[in-house]
Protein backbone atom coordinates (compact mmCIF):
# COMPACT_ATOMS: atom_id res chain seq x y z
CA UNK A 1 -1.41 7.08 -18.00
CA UNK A 2 -3.11 7.04 -14.44
CA UNK A 3 -1.09 3.75 -13.19
CA UNK A 4 -3.48 1.95 -10.81
CA UNK A 5 -1.23 -1.18 -10.22
CA UNK A 6 1.54 -1.08 -7.61
CA UNK A 7 3.75 -4.21 -7.93
CA UNK A 8 4.87 -5.60 -4.51
CA UNK A 9 8.59 -6.47 -4.76
CA UNK A 10 8.51 -9.56 -2.39
CA UNK A 11 12.13 -10.28 -2.78
CA UNK A 12 15.33 -9.97 -0.57
CA UNK A 13 17.93 -10.31 -3.24
CA UNK A 14 18.75 -7.31 -5.32
CA UNK A 15 19.85 -9.13 -8.33
CA UNK A 16 16.28 -10.82 -8.44
CA UNK A 17 14.70 -7.48 -8.19
CA UNK A 18 16.93 -5.98 -10.93
CA UNK A 19 16.11 -8.78 -13.11
CA UNK A 20 12.35 -8.43 -12.42
CA UNK A 21 12.17 -4.68 -12.94
CA UNK A 22 14.23 -5.21 -16.04
CA UNK A 23 11.08 -7.02 -17.56
CA UNK A 24 8.55 -4.21 -16.84
CA UNK A 25 7.94 -0.53 -17.63
CA UNK A 26 7.52 2.22 -15.10
CA UNK A 27 4.80 3.54 -17.54
CA UNK A 28 2.78 0.48 -16.60
CA UNK A 29 2.86 0.43 -12.79
CA UNK A 30 4.48 1.65 -9.53
CA UNK A 31 6.55 -0.44 -7.07
CA UNK A 32 6.19 -1.30 -3.46
CA UNK A 33 9.24 -1.70 -1.40
CA UNK A 34 8.32 -3.63 2.01
CA UNK A 35 9.97 -4.54 5.12
CA UNK A 36 11.88 -7.62 3.68
CA UNK A 37 13.52 -5.74 0.73
CA UNK A 38 14.09 -2.43 2.73
CA UNK A 39 15.68 -4.52 5.69
CA UNK A 40 17.93 -6.21 3.27
CA UNK A 41 19.14 -3.22 1.35
CA UNK A 42 17.72 0.06 2.76
CA UNK A 43 17.78 3.29 0.76
CA UNK A 44 19.99 1.89 -1.70
CA UNK A 45 17.06 -0.15 -3.23
CA UNK A 46 14.98 3.02 -3.54
CA UNK A 47 17.65 4.89 -5.30
CA UNK A 48 18.05 2.03 -7.62
CA UNK A 49 14.47 1.89 -8.51
CA UNK A 50 14.18 5.80 -8.85
CA UNK A 51 17.22 5.51 -11.17
CA UNK A 52 15.30 3.29 -13.38
CA UNK A 53 12.16 5.58 -13.57
CA UNK A 54 9.85 3.83 -11.12
CA UNK A 55 7.72 5.65 -8.38
CA UNK A 56 8.00 3.81 -4.99
CA UNK A 57 5.70 3.22 -2.26
CA UNK A 58 7.59 2.60 0.78
CA UNK A 59 5.64 0.18 2.75
CA UNK A 60 7.17 0.05 6.24
CA UNK A 61 3.74 0.69 8.13
CA UNK A 62 5.32 2.91 10.88
CA UNK A 63 3.59 2.41 14.33
CA UNK A 64 5.44 3.89 17.41
CA UNK A 65 5.21 6.82 19.66
CA UNK A 66 4.34 10.09 17.73
CA UNK A 67 7.69 11.68 17.77
CA UNK A 68 9.54 8.50 16.70
CA UNK A 69 6.93 8.23 13.75
CA UNK A 70 7.43 11.93 13.06
CA UNK A 71 11.11 11.59 12.52
CA UNK A 72 10.80 8.34 10.69
CA UNK A 73 8.43 9.92 8.11
CA UNK A 74 10.83 12.98 7.50
CA UNK A 75 13.57 10.61 6.70
CA UNK A 76 11.22 8.63 4.28
CA UNK A 77 10.06 11.81 2.59
CA UNK A 78 13.83 12.85 1.88
CA UNK A 79 14.36 9.53 -0.02
CA UNK A 80 11.90 10.95 -2.67
CA UNK A 81 9.38 8.29 -2.44
CA UNK A 82 5.81 8.53 -3.92
CA UNK A 83 3.88 7.08 -0.93
CA UNK A 84 4.56 6.16 2.72
CA UNK A 85 2.30 4.64 5.33
CA UNK A 86 1.55 4.05 9.11
CA UNK A 87 -0.67 1.95 11.09
CA UNK A 88 -4.10 3.76 11.83
CA UNK A 89 -4.24 1.78 15.19
CA UNK A 90 -1.32 4.23 16.29
CA UNK A 91 -3.94 6.51 16.97
CA UNK A 92 -4.72 10.29 16.31
CA UNK A 93 -1.64 11.97 17.68
CA UNK A 94 0.70 9.71 15.77
CA UNK A 95 -1.16 10.26 12.52
CA UNK A 96 -1.19 13.84 13.08
CA UNK A 97 2.54 13.88 13.74
CA UNK A 98 3.07 11.94 10.66
CA UNK A 99 1.19 14.47 8.74
CA UNK A 100 3.14 17.32 10.12
CA UNK A 101 6.34 15.61 8.98
CA UNK A 102 4.97 15.53 5.47
CA UNK A 103 4.04 19.20 5.71
CA UNK A 104 7.44 20.14 6.79
CA UNK A 105 9.41 18.20 4.15
CA UNK A 106 10.55 19.51 0.90
CA UNK A 107 9.43 16.38 -0.98
CA UNK A 108 5.72 15.49 0.00
CA UNK A 109 4.80 11.96 -0.54
CA UNK A 110 1.27 10.60 -0.16
CA UNK A 111 0.68 9.61 3.58
CA UNK A 112 -1.79 6.72 3.94
CA UNK A 113 -2.68 4.53 6.90
CA UNK A 114 -3.20 0.85 7.31
CA UNK A 115 -6.83 -0.13 8.69
CA UNK A 116 -7.01 -3.94 9.08
CA UNK A 117 -4.47 -6.17 7.31
CA UNK A 118 -6.05 -8.11 4.59
CA UNK A 119 -4.61 -11.28 6.02
CA UNK A 120 -6.94 -11.03 8.98
CA UNK A 121 -10.31 -12.43 9.54
CA UNK A 122 -13.35 -11.49 11.90
CA UNK A 123 -12.08 -14.02 14.36
CA UNK A 124 -8.43 -12.56 14.34
CA UNK A 125 -10.01 -9.11 14.86
CA UNK A 126 -12.01 -10.26 17.84
CA UNK A 127 -9.05 -12.16 19.07
CA UNK A 128 -6.79 -8.94 19.66
CA UNK A 129 -9.60 -7.23 21.41
CA UNK A 130 -11.47 -4.91 19.01
CA UNK A 131 -15.17 -4.70 19.99
CA UNK A 132 -16.34 -3.96 16.39
CA UNK A 133 -16.31 -6.49 13.79
CA UNK A 134 -13.87 -6.54 10.89
CA UNK A 135 -15.72 -4.05 8.49
CA UNK A 136 -16.79 -1.87 11.19
CA UNK A 137 -13.34 -1.65 12.66
CA UNK A 138 -11.83 -0.95 9.19
CA UNK A 139 -14.20 1.71 8.67
CA UNK A 140 -13.57 3.28 12.16
CA UNK A 141 -9.78 3.59 11.44
CA UNK A 142 -10.39 4.83 7.82
CA UNK A 143 -12.59 7.83 9.25
CA UNK A 144 -9.89 8.39 12.02
CA UNK A 145 -7.23 8.67 9.20
CA UNK A 146 -9.42 10.92 7.17
CA UNK A 147 -10.15 13.27 10.04
CA UNK A 148 -6.41 13.39 10.67
CA UNK A 149 -5.73 14.84 7.07
CA UNK A 150 -4.12 11.69 5.60
CA UNK A 151 -4.56 11.11 1.83
CA UNK A 152 -5.93 7.58 2.27
CA UNK A 153 -5.87 4.15 3.67
CA UNK A 154 -4.74 0.66 2.95
CA UNK A 155 -7.80 -1.50 3.03
CA UNK A 156 -9.41 -4.52 1.62
CA UNK A 157 -11.06 -3.82 -1.75
CA UNK A 158 -14.30 -5.07 -0.02
CA UNK A 159 -14.29 -2.00 1.92
CA UNK A 160 -13.30 0.53 -0.58
CA UNK A 161 -16.67 1.88 -1.59
CA UNK A 162 -17.87 1.90 2.04
CA UNK A 163 -14.96 3.81 3.06
CA UNK A 164 -15.24 6.50 0.21
CA UNK A 165 -18.96 6.95 0.88
CA UNK A 166 -18.22 7.59 4.46
CA UNK A 167 -15.13 9.86 3.93
CA UNK A 168 -14.65 11.61 0.55
CA UNK A 169 -14.33 10.27 -3.04
CA UNK A 170 -10.92 11.92 -3.19
CA UNK A 171 -9.91 9.89 0.01
CA UNK A 172 -7.55 7.13 -1.70
CA UNK A 173 -7.97 3.51 -1.17
CA UNK A 174 -4.99 1.25 -1.72
CA UNK A 175 -5.84 -2.37 -1.88
CA UNK A 176 -3.70 -5.39 -1.18
CA UNK A 177 -5.22 -8.93 -1.56
CA UNK A 178 -5.68 -8.70 -5.17
CA UNK A 179 -5.61 -11.91 -6.90
CA UNK A 180 -6.10 -13.02 -10.65
CA UNK A 181 -9.06 -15.58 -10.95
CA UNK A 182 -6.60 -18.29 -11.41
CA UNK A 183 -4.16 -17.26 -8.72
CA UNK A 184 -3.54 -18.82 -5.32
CA UNK A 185 -4.77 -16.84 -2.39
CA UNK A 186 -1.42 -17.51 -0.32
CA UNK A 187 -1.87 -15.69 3.04
CA UNK A 188 -4.60 -13.28 2.24
CA UNK A 189 -8.28 -13.82 3.13
CA UNK A 190 -10.02 -11.06 2.00
CA UNK A 191 -9.34 -10.98 -1.75
CA UNK A 192 -10.71 -9.61 -4.90
CA UNK A 193 -9.92 -9.65 -8.68
CA UNK A 194 -8.61 -6.34 -10.51
CA UNK A 195 -11.63 -5.56 -12.23
CA UNK A 196 -14.01 -6.18 -9.28
CA UNK A 197 -11.70 -4.08 -7.01
CA UNK A 198 -11.80 -1.06 -9.47
CA UNK A 199 -15.56 -1.23 -9.75
CA UNK A 200 -15.59 -1.26 -5.89
CA UNK A 201 -14.01 2.10 -5.96
CA UNK A 202 -10.35 0.85 -5.23
CA UNK A 203 -7.88 3.57 -6.46
CA UNK A 204 -4.72 1.45 -6.41
CA UNK A 205 -4.20 -2.34 -6.59
CA UNK A 206 -1.35 -3.85 -4.90
CA UNK A 207 -0.33 -7.05 -6.67
CA UNK A 208 2.60 -9.05 -5.81
CA UNK A 209 3.20 -12.70 -6.69
CA UNK A 210 0.72 -13.18 -9.58
CA UNK A 211 2.96 -10.74 -11.39
CA UNK A 212 6.40 -11.13 -9.95
CA UNK A 213 6.20 -15.05 -10.26
CA UNK A 214 4.89 -15.04 -13.72
CA UNK A 215 6.79 -16.15 -16.52
CA UNK A 216 6.01 -13.19 -18.53
CA UNK A 217 5.46 -10.34 -16.00
CA UNK A 218 5.11 -7.68 -18.54
CA UNK A 219 2.32 -9.58 -20.31
CA UNK A 220 0.43 -10.19 -17.01
CA UNK A 221 0.71 -6.46 -16.12
CA UNK A 222 -0.44 -5.42 -19.54
CA UNK A 223 -3.45 -7.81 -19.38
CA UNK A 224 -4.54 -6.37 -15.94
CA UNK A 225 -4.11 -2.91 -17.06
CA UNK A 226 -6.22 -3.69 -20.01
CA UNK A 227 -8.89 -5.28 -17.80
CA UNK A 228 -9.34 -2.27 -15.61
């Protein structure tokens, strides 16, 4: 099965994580470990999820001087994760060094770059000094990531089709901000339903609270998989 759903583990308690992952199957999804959970438990949580058969997207969004990112990506690759990421705004040299780290590692996770956070609006993008509007800036950073040899980008599902048409159909689009039709938007501004996201060329859907906070997570997960 081509698993398109990445469940975001927005927890900071390992018992909550274990209780949740015990209700779902690694054949139905992959898991995302972000800053909160990794800060609390570090590599231990990655090993725990691997032991349970899950592939892990380590979502730490590295953004630092090129050599620091190079070293961090090497360590992340050695954890055996499925995917790691950096911020595209770190620039060409940083992304190329991250790519070099993957090439030199025995285990080679997918390497993707964050374009514009899905919590950001056009006003927020202008406020931090980008001269391009939100969509143009996301596309610009996606094209730069593609030129640097990365496997794909984190972007809004609204931009997925545009990015593929300006890079390559095999260039991956990983899309947060996915919400079910009856879900709260929380802190996301550029959101889309799972079916619409896939129709707009999203390769992977990052979904957190609509699944993790559900009374019956496995049923919600199965329902989403069926819809896409």
